[in-house]
């Protein structure tokens, strides 16, 4: 994986565009808390999606709770690369 293509900053996008590892995933949908069922967001870099995170309630790394699904769905960067 090429970390140099991941945008700088707190989000999966910047003024130059979106992260090439992030995409909408039609295979998995989840209830957006009153907004109907929406597609999940998949990250090829982390190999996970927001529906998976929503189901698990967290993303564990190094033995600790770190993130919720809505961060990746809102394109908030959770990989920590180029922050």
PDB file of N, CA and C in Angstrom:
ATOM      1  N   UNK A   1       0.837  -1.174   0.000  1.00  0.00           N
ATOM      2  CA  UNK A   1       0.000   0.000   0.000  1.00  0.00           C
ATOM      3  C   UNK A   1       0.887   1.245   0.000  1.00  0.00           C
ATOM      4  N   UNK A   2       0.476   2.206  -0.770  1.00  0.00           N
ATOM      5  CA  UNK A   2       1.235   3.439  -0.914  1.00  0.00           C
ATOM      6  C   UNK A   2       0.637   4.519  -0.017  1.00  0.00           C
ATOM      7  N   UNK A   3       1.258   4.771   1.117  1.00  0.00           N
ATOM      8  CA  UNK A   3       0.758   5.761   2.068  1.00  0.00           C
ATOM      9  C   UNK A   3       0.878   7.186   1.547  1.00  0.00           C
ATOM     10  N   UNK A   4       1.715   7.411   0.562  1.00  0.00           N
ATOM     11  CA  UNK A   4       1.900   8.769   0.055  1.00  0.00           C
ATOM     12  C   UNK A   4       0.657   9.303  -0.664  1.00  0.00           C
ATOM     13  N   UNK A   5      -0.243   8.420  -1.102  1.00  0.00           N
ATOM     14  CA  UNK A   5      -1.449   8.867  -1.800  1.00  0.00           C
ATOM     15  C   UNK A   5      -2.599   9.185  -0.840  1.00  0.00           C
ATOM     16  N   UNK A   6      -2.420   8.886   0.433  1.00  0.00           N
ATOM     17  CA  UNK A   6      -3.449   9.195   1.430  1.00  0.00           C
ATOM     18  C   UNK A   6      -3.376  10.688   1.733  1.00  0.00           C
ATOM     19  N   UNK A   7      -4.511  11.388   1.635  1.00  0.00           N
ATOM     20  CA  UNK A   7      -4.508  12.843   1.837  1.00  0.00           C
ATOM     21  C   UNK A   7      -3.971  13.250   3.208  1.00  0.00           C
ATOM     22  N   UNK A   8      -3.422  14.441   3.274  1.00  0.00           N
ATOM     23  CA  UNK A   8      -2.938  14.993   4.537  1.00  0.00           C
ATOM     24  C   UNK A   8      -4.113  15.564   5.316  1.00  0.00           C
ATOM     25  N   UNK A   9      -4.014  15.516   6.635  1.00  0.00           N
ATOM     26  CA  UNK A   9      -5.061  16.092   7.474  1.00  0.00           C
ATOM     27  C   UNK A   9      -5.899  15.049   8.176  1.00  0.00           C
ATOM     28  N   UNK A  10      -7.030  15.507   8.707  1.00  0.00           N
ATOM     29  CA  UNK A  10      -7.891  14.672   9.541  1.00  0.00           C
ATOM     30  C   UNK A  10      -8.932  13.883   8.761  1.00  0.00           C
ATOM     31  N   UNK A  11      -9.044  14.131   7.454  1.00  0.00           N
ATOM     32  CA  UNK A  11     -10.112  13.523   6.668  1.00  0.00           C
ATOM     33  C   UNK A  11      -9.561  12.675   5.523  1.00  0.00           C
ATOM     34  N   UNK A  12     -10.426  11.867   4.935  1.00  0.00           N
ATOM     35  CA  UNK A  12     -10.055  11.000   3.817  1.00  0.00           C
ATOM     36  C   UNK A  12     -10.104  11.768   2.499  1.00  0.00           C
ATOM     37  N   UNK A  13     -10.039  13.060   2.579  1.00  0.00           N
ATOM     38  CA  UNK A  13     -10.024  13.930   1.398  1.00  0.00           C
ATOM     39  C   UNK A  13      -9.314  15.226   1.758  1.00  0.00           C
ATOM     40  N   UNK A  14      -8.864  15.923   0.745  1.00  0.00           N
ATOM     41  CA  UNK A  14      -8.282  17.252   0.919  1.00  0.00           C
ATOM     42  C   UNK A  14      -8.589  18.047  -0.346  1.00  0.00           C
ATOM     43  N   UNK A  15      -7.981  19.190  -0.515  1.00  0.00           N
ATOM     44  CA  UNK A  15      -8.270  20.023  -1.690  1.00  0.00           C
ATOM     45  C   UNK A  15      -7.838  19.376  -3.006  1.00  0.00           C
ATOM     46  N   UNK A  16      -7.052  18.306  -2.935  1.00  0.00           N
ATOM     47  CA  UNK A  16      -6.606  17.602  -4.138  1.00  0.00           C
ATOM     48  C   UNK A  16      -7.505  16.419  -4.490  1.00  0.00           C
ATOM     49  N   UNK A  17      -8.419  16.039  -3.581  1.00  0.00           N
ATOM     50  CA  UNK A  17      -9.335  14.940  -3.869  1.00  0.00           C
ATOM     51  C   UNK A  17      -9.489  13.972  -2.712  1.00  0.00           C
ATOM     52  N   UNK A  18     -10.069  12.828  -3.031  1.00  0.00           N
ATOM     53  CA  UNK A  18     -10.370  11.805  -2.041  1.00  0.00           C
ATOM     54  C   UNK A  18      -9.279  10.752  -1.977  1.00  0.00           C
ATOM     55  N   UNK A  19      -9.228  10.073  -0.857  1.00  0.00           N
ATOM     56  CA  UNK A  19      -8.291   8.967  -0.685  1.00  0.00           C
ATOM     57  C   UNK A  19      -8.667   7.838  -1.649  1.00  0.00           C
ATOM     58  N   UNK A  20      -7.708   7.313  -2.398  1.00  0.00           N
ATOM     59  CA  UNK A  20      -8.016   6.247  -3.355  1.00  0.00           C
ATOM     60  C   UNK A  20      -8.395   4.924  -2.683  1.00  0.00           C
ATOM     61  N   UNK A  21      -8.175   4.801  -1.383  1.00  0.00           N
ATOM     62  CA  UNK A  21      -8.512   3.571  -0.675  1.00  0.00           C
ATOM     63  C   UNK A  21      -9.936   3.573  -0.127  1.00  0.00           C
ATOM     64  N   UNK A  22     -10.626   4.707  -0.170  1.00  0.00           N
ATOM     65  CA  UNK A  22     -11.962   4.829   0.397  1.00  0.00           C
ATOM     66  C   UNK A  22     -13.006   4.769  -0.699  1.00  0.00           C
ATOM     67  N   UNK A  23     -14.059   3.973  -0.475  1.00  0.00           N
ATOM     68  CA  UNK A  23     -15.134   3.886  -1.461  1.00  0.00           C
ATOM     69  C   UNK A  23     -16.439   3.465  -0.790  1.00  0.00           C
ATOM     70  N   UNK A  24     -17.537   3.741  -1.468  1.00  0.00           N
ATOM     71  CA  UNK A  24     -18.843   3.308  -0.994  1.00  0.00           C
ATOM     72  C   UNK A  24     -18.960   1.811  -1.218  1.00  0.00           C
ATOM     73  N   UNK A  25     -19.547   1.118  -0.260  1.00  0.00           N
ATOM     74  CA  UNK A  25     -19.681  -0.338  -0.346  1.00  0.00           C
ATOM     75  C   UNK A  25     -21.160  -0.700  -0.325  1.00  0.00           C
ATOM     76  N   UNK A  26     -21.716  -0.987  -1.498  1.00  0.00           N
ATOM     77  CA  UNK A  26     -23.131  -1.324  -1.640  1.00  0.00           C
ATOM     78  C   UNK A  26     -23.473  -2.701  -1.048  1.00  0.00           C
ATOM     79  N   UNK A  27     -22.471  -3.537  -0.835  1.00  0.00           N
ATOM     80  CA  UNK A  27     -22.737  -4.887  -0.329  1.00  0.00           C
ATOM     81  C   UNK A  27     -23.311  -4.870   1.078  1.00  0.00           C
ATOM     82  N   UNK A  28     -22.920  -3.899   1.873  1.00  0.00           N
ATOM     83  CA  UNK A  28     -23.346  -3.833   3.262  1.00  0.00           C
ATOM     84  C   UNK A  28     -24.042  -2.510   3.524  1.00  0.00           C
ATOM     85  N   UNK A  29     -25.246  -2.598   4.039  1.00  0.00           N
ATOM     86  CA  UNK A  29     -25.994  -1.394   4.381  1.00  0.00           C
ATOM     87  C   UNK A  29     -26.351  -1.470   5.858  1.00  0.00           C
ATOM     88  N   UNK A  30     -26.543  -0.303   6.444  1.00  0.00           N
ATOM     89  CA  UNK A  30     -26.950  -0.285   7.842  1.00  0.00           C
ATOM     90  C   UNK A  30     -27.885   0.879   8.101  1.00  0.00           C
ATOM     91  N   UNK A  31     -28.613   0.780   9.197  1.00  0.00           N
ATOM     92  CA  UNK A  31     -29.580   1.808   9.557  1.00  0.00           C
ATOM     93  C   UNK A  31     -28.835   3.047  10.019  1.00  0.00           C
ATOM     94  N   UNK A  32     -29.091   4.160   9.365  1.00  0.00           N
ATOM     95  CA  UNK A  32     -28.412   5.421   9.692  1.00  0.00           C
ATOM     96  C   UNK A  32     -29.204   6.187  10.757  1.00  0.00           C
ATOM     97  N   UNK A  33     -29.689   5.480  11.736  1.00  0.00           N
ATOM     98  CA  UNK A  33     -30.366   6.079  12.887  1.00  0.00           C
ATOM     99  C   UNK A  33     -31.462   7.046  12.473  1.00  0.00           C
ATOM    100  N   UNK A  34     -32.454   6.499  11.758  1.00  0.00           N
ATOM    101  CA  UNK A  34     -33.604   7.294  11.351  1.00  0.00           C
ATOM    102  C   UNK A  34     -33.523   7.860   9.953  1.00  0.00           C
ATOM    103  N   UNK A  35     -32.405   7.695   9.279  1.00  0.00           N
ATOM    104  CA  UNK A  35     -32.244   8.212   7.927  1.00  0.00           C
ATOM    105  C   UNK A  35     -32.373   7.108   6.882  1.00  0.00           C
ATOM    106  N   UNK A  36     -32.838   5.941   7.274  1.00  0.00           N
ATOM    107  CA  UNK A  36     -32.978   4.815   6.355  1.00  0.00           C
ATOM    108  C   UNK A  36     -31.685   4.031   6.242  1.00  0.00           C
ATOM    109  N   UNK A  37     -31.713   3.021   5.395  1.00  0.00           N
ATOM    110  CA  UNK A  37     -30.522   2.188   5.199  1.00  0.00           C
ATOM    111  C   UNK A  37     -29.594   2.853   4.184  1.00  0.00           C
ATOM    112  N   UNK A  38     -28.356   2.951   4.541  1.00  0.00           N
ATOM    113  CA  UNK A  38     -27.360   3.581   3.673  1.00  0.00           C
ATOM    114  C   UNK A  38     -26.208   2.616   3.420  1.00  0.00           C
ATOM    115  N   UNK A  39     -25.529   2.820   2.326  1.00  0.00           N
ATOM    116  CA  UNK A  39     -24.359   2.000   2.017  1.00  0.00           C
ATOM    117  C   UNK A  39     -23.257   2.281   3.026  1.00  0.00           C
ATOM    118  N   UNK A  40     -22.476   1.278   3.290  1.00  0.00           N
ATOM    119  CA  UNK A  40     -21.341   1.474   4.184  1.00  0.00           C
ATOM    120  C   UNK A  40     -20.183   2.089   3.402  1.00  0.00           C
ATOM    121  N   UNK A  41     -19.172   2.490   4.116  1.00  0.00           N
ATOM    122  CA  UNK A  41     -17.954   3.023   3.507  1.00  0.00           C
ATOM    123  C   UNK A  41     -16.841   2.018   3.756  1.00  0.00           C
ATOM    124  N   UNK A  42     -16.140   1.670   2.709  1.00  0.00           N
ATOM    125  CA  UNK A  42     -15.070   0.675   2.784  1.00  0.00           C
ATOM    126  C   UNK A  42     -13.722   1.364   2.666  1.00  0.00           C
ATOM    127  N   UNK A  43     -12.756   0.913   3.463  1.00  0.00           N
ATOM    128  CA  UNK A  43     -11.386   1.394   3.366  1.00  0.00           C
ATOM    129  C   UNK A  43     -10.495   0.224   2.978  1.00  0.00           C
ATOM    130  N   UNK A  44      -9.933   0.284   1.764  1.00  0.00           N
ATOM    131  CA  UNK A  44      -9.025  -0.776   1.298  1.00  0.00           C
ATOM    132  C   UNK A  44      -7.721  -0.787   2.087  1.00  0.00           C
ATOM    133  N   UNK A  45      -7.317   0.359   2.590  1.00  0.00           N
ATOM    134  CA  UNK A  45      -6.078   0.440   3.363  1.00  0.00           C
ATOM    135  C   UNK A  45      -6.207  -0.327   4.675  1.00  0.00           C
ATOM    136  N   UNK A  46      -7.328  -0.128   5.388  1.00  0.00           N
ATOM    137  CA  UNK A  46      -7.544  -0.814   6.669  1.00  0.00           C
ATOM    138  C   UNK A  46      -8.259  -2.153   6.521  1.00  0.00           C
ATOM    139  N   UNK A  47      -8.825  -2.393   5.330  1.00  0.00           N
ATOM    140  CA  UNK A  47      -9.579  -3.607   5.036  1.00  0.00           C
ATOM    141  C   UNK A  47     -10.757  -3.784   6.008  1.00  0.00           C
ATOM    142  N   UNK A  48     -11.545  -2.732   6.127  1.00  0.00           N
ATOM    143  CA  UNK A  48     -12.749  -2.783   6.944  1.00  0.00           C
ATOM    144  C   UNK A  48     -13.760  -1.769   6.452  1.00  0.00           C
ATOM    145  N   UNK A  49     -15.004  -1.932   6.898  1.00  0.00           N
ATOM    146  CA  UNK A  49     -16.037  -0.982   6.497  1.00  0.00           C
ATOM    147  C   UNK A  49     -16.831  -0.493   7.691  1.00  0.00           C
ATOM    148  N   UNK A  50     -17.589   0.576   7.458  1.00  0.00           N
ATOM    149  CA  UNK A  50     -18.315   1.215   8.541  1.00  0.00           C
ATOM    150  C   UNK A  50     -19.420   0.325   9.099  1.00  0.00           C
ATOM    151  N   UNK A  51     -20.031  -0.532   8.276  1.00  0.00           N
ATOM    152  CA  UNK A  51     -21.060  -1.442   8.775  1.00  0.00           C
ATOM    153  C   UNK A  51     -20.442  -2.446   9.756  1.00  0.00           C
ATOM    154  N   UNK A  52     -19.268  -2.927   9.442  1.00  0.00           N
ATOM    155  CA  UNK A  52     -18.552  -3.842  10.338  1.00  0.00           C
ATOM    156  C   UNK A  52     -18.253  -3.142  11.659  1.00  0.00           C
ATOM    157  N   UNK A  53     -17.769  -1.914  11.588  1.00  0.00           N
ATOM    158  CA  UNK A  53     -17.459  -1.164  12.795  1.00  0.00           C
ATOM    159  C   UNK A  53     -18.719  -0.869  13.605  1.00  0.00           C
ATOM    160  N   UNK A  54     -19.819  -0.565  12.911  1.00  0.00           N
ATOM    161  CA  UNK A  54     -21.075  -0.288  13.590  1.00  0.00           C
ATOM    162  C   UNK A  54     -21.547  -1.523  14.338  1.00  0.00           C
ATOM    163  N   UNK A  55     -21.411  -2.695  13.708  1.00  0.00           N
ATOM    164  CA  UNK A  55     -21.811  -3.953  14.335  1.00  0.00           C
ATOM    165  C   UNK A  55     -20.943  -4.252  15.552  1.00  0.00           C
ATOM    166  N   UNK A  56     -19.643  -4.061  15.418  1.00  0.00           N
ATOM    167  CA  UNK A  56     -18.721  -4.347  16.513  1.00  0.00           C
ATOM    168  C   UNK A  56     -18.726  -3.242  17.569  1.00  0.00           C
ATOM    169  N   UNK A  57     -19.123  -2.031  17.168  1.00  0.00           N
ATOM    170  CA  UNK A  57     -19.168  -0.919  18.098  1.00  0.00           C
ATOM    171  C   UNK A  57     -17.831  -0.237  18.316  1.00  0.00           C
ATOM    172  N   UNK A  58     -16.795  -0.763  17.692  1.00  0.00           N
ATOM    173  CA  UNK A  58     -15.475  -0.161  17.886  1.00  0.00           C
ATOM    174  C   UNK A  58     -14.493  -0.784  16.891  1.00  0.00           C
ATOM    175  N   UNK A  59     -13.331  -0.175  16.803  1.00  0.00           N
ATOM    176  CA  UNK A  59     -12.211  -0.742  16.055  1.00  0.00           C
ATOM    177  C   UNK A  59     -11.084  -0.876  17.050  1.00  0.00           C
ATOM    178  N   UNK A  60     -10.565  -2.074  17.208  1.00  0.00           N
ATOM    179  CA  UNK A  60      -9.503  -2.281  18.187  1.00  0.00           C
ATOM    180  C   UNK A  60      -8.153  -2.322  17.507  1.00  0.00           C
ATOM    181  N   UNK A  61      -7.222  -1.600  18.088  1.00  0.00           N
ATOM    182  CA  UNK A  61      -5.856  -1.591  17.601  1.00  0.00           C
ATOM    183  C   UNK A  61      -4.952  -1.516  18.819  1.00  0.00           C
ATOM    184  N   UNK A  62      -3.973  -2.342  18.863  1.00  0.00           N
ATOM    185  CA  UNK A  62      -3.053  -2.382  19.999  1.00  0.00           C
ATOM    186  C   UNK A  62      -3.785  -2.606  21.318  1.00  0.00           C
ATOM    187  N   UNK A  63      -4.873  -3.397  21.270  1.00  0.00           N
ATOM    188  CA  UNK A  63      -5.578  -3.769  22.495  1.00  0.00           C
ATOM    189  C   UNK A  63      -6.495  -2.708  23.073  1.00  0.00           C
ATOM    190  N   UNK A  64      -6.732  -1.604  22.375  1.00  0.00           N
ATOM    191  CA  UNK A  64      -7.588  -0.563  22.929  1.00  0.00           C
ATOM    192  C   UNK A  64      -8.706  -0.165  22.003  1.00  0.00           C
ATOM    193  N   UNK A  65      -9.789   0.356  22.578  1.00  0.00           N
ATOM    194  CA  UNK A  65     -10.888   0.863  21.771  1.00  0.00           C
ATOM    195  C   UNK A  65     -10.447   2.180  21.160  1.00  0.00           C
ATOM    196  N   UNK A  66     -10.687   2.338  19.849  1.00  0.00           N
ATOM    197  CA  UNK A  66     -10.193   3.527  19.187  1.00  0.00           C
ATOM    198  C   UNK A  66     -11.276   4.345  18.490  1.00  0.00           C
ATOM    199  N   UNK A  67     -12.096   3.729  17.649  1.00  0.00           N
ATOM    200  CA  UNK A  67     -12.944   4.484  16.749  1.00  0.00           C
ATOM    201  C   UNK A  67     -14.335   3.901  16.650  1.00  0.00           C
ATOM    202  N   UNK A  68     -15.298   4.696  16.197  1.00  0.00           N
ATOM    203  CA  UNK A  68     -16.630   4.193  15.903  1.00  0.00           C
ATOM    204  C   UNK A  68     -16.869   4.243  14.406  1.00  0.00           C
ATOM    205  N   UNK A  69     -17.920   3.568  13.959  1.00  0.00           N
ATOM    206  CA  UNK A  69     -18.222   3.456  12.531  1.00  0.00           C
ATOM    207  C   UNK A  69     -18.475   4.793  11.876  1.00  0.00           C
ATOM    208  N   UNK A  70     -19.072   5.709  12.591  1.00  0.00           N
ATOM    209  CA  UNK A  70     -19.484   6.955  11.976  1.00  0.00           C
ATOM    210  C   UNK A  70     -18.303   7.828  11.565  1.00  0.00           C
ATOM    211  N   UNK A  71     -17.148   7.602  12.157  1.00  0.00           N
ATOM    212  CA  UNK A  71     -15.971   8.349  11.732  1.00  0.00           C
ATOM    213  C   UNK A  71     -15.591   7.990  10.307  1.00  0.00           C
ATOM    214  N   UNK A  72     -15.539   6.707  10.002  1.00  0.00           N
ATOM    215  CA  UNK A  72     -15.165   6.308   8.643  1.00  0.00           C
ATOM    216  C   UNK A  72     -16.281   6.640   7.667  1.00  0.00           C
ATOM    217  N   UNK A  73     -17.539   6.522   8.088  1.00  0.00           N
ATOM    218  CA  UNK A  73     -18.651   6.862   7.197  1.00  0.00           C
ATOM    219  C   UNK A  73     -18.625   8.353   6.840  1.00  0.00           C
ATOM    220  N   UNK A  74     -18.269   9.192   7.793  1.00  0.00           N
ATOM    221  CA  UNK A  74     -18.173  10.636   7.561  1.00  0.00           C
ATOM    222  C   UNK A  74     -16.843  11.051   6.945  1.00  0.00           C
ATOM    223  N   UNK A  75     -16.038  10.077   6.534  1.00  0.00           N
ATOM    224  CA  UNK A  75     -14.738  10.288   5.911  1.00  0.00           C
ATOM    225  C   UNK A  75     -13.742  10.984   6.857  1.00  0.00           C
ATOM    226  N   UNK A  76     -13.910  10.753   8.142  1.00  0.00           N
ATOM    227  CA  UNK A  76     -12.893  11.175   9.114  1.00  0.00           C
ATOM    228  C   UNK A  76     -11.819  10.102   9.118  1.00  0.00           C
ATOM    229  N   UNK A  77     -10.604  10.501   8.989  1.00  0.00           N
ATOM    230  CA  UNK A  77      -9.502   9.555   8.860  1.00  0.00           C
ATOM    231  C   UNK A  77      -9.276   8.810  10.179  1.00  0.00           C
ATOM    232  N   UNK A  78      -9.267   7.480  10.104  1.00  0.00           N
ATOM    233  CA  UNK A  78      -8.981   6.678  11.294  1.00  0.00           C
ATOM    234  C   UNK A  78      -7.692   5.882  11.148  1.00  0.00           C
ATOM    235  N   UNK A  79      -7.052   5.955   9.982  1.00  0.00           N
ATOM    236  CA  UNK A  79      -5.808   5.204   9.761  1.00  0.00           C
ATOM    237  C   UNK A  79      -4.612   5.890  10.418  1.00  0.00           C
ATOM    238  N   UNK A  80      -4.693   7.193  10.616  1.00  0.00           N
ATOM    239  CA  UNK A  80      -3.586   7.923  11.238  1.00  0.00           C
ATOM    240  C   UNK A  80      -2.459   8.306  10.291  1.00  0.00           C
ATOM    241  N   UNK A  81      -2.583   7.974   9.004  1.00  0.00           N
ATOM    242  CA  UNK A  81      -1.532   8.248   8.037  1.00  0.00           C
ATOM    243  C   UNK A  81      -1.631   9.699   7.567  1.00  0.00           C
ATOM    244  N   UNK A  82      -0.508  10.391   7.551  1.00  0.00           N
ATOM    245  CA  UNK A  82      -0.406  11.774   7.062  1.00  0.00           C
ATOM    246  C   UNK A  82      -1.271  12.773   7.827  1.00  0.00           C
ATOM    247  N   UNK A  83      -1.501  12.536   9.102  1.00  0.00           N
ATOM    248  CA  UNK A  83      -2.293  13.490   9.897  1.00  0.00           C
ATOM    249  C   UNK A  83      -1.487  14.709  10.242  1.00  0.00           C
TER     250      UNK A  83
END
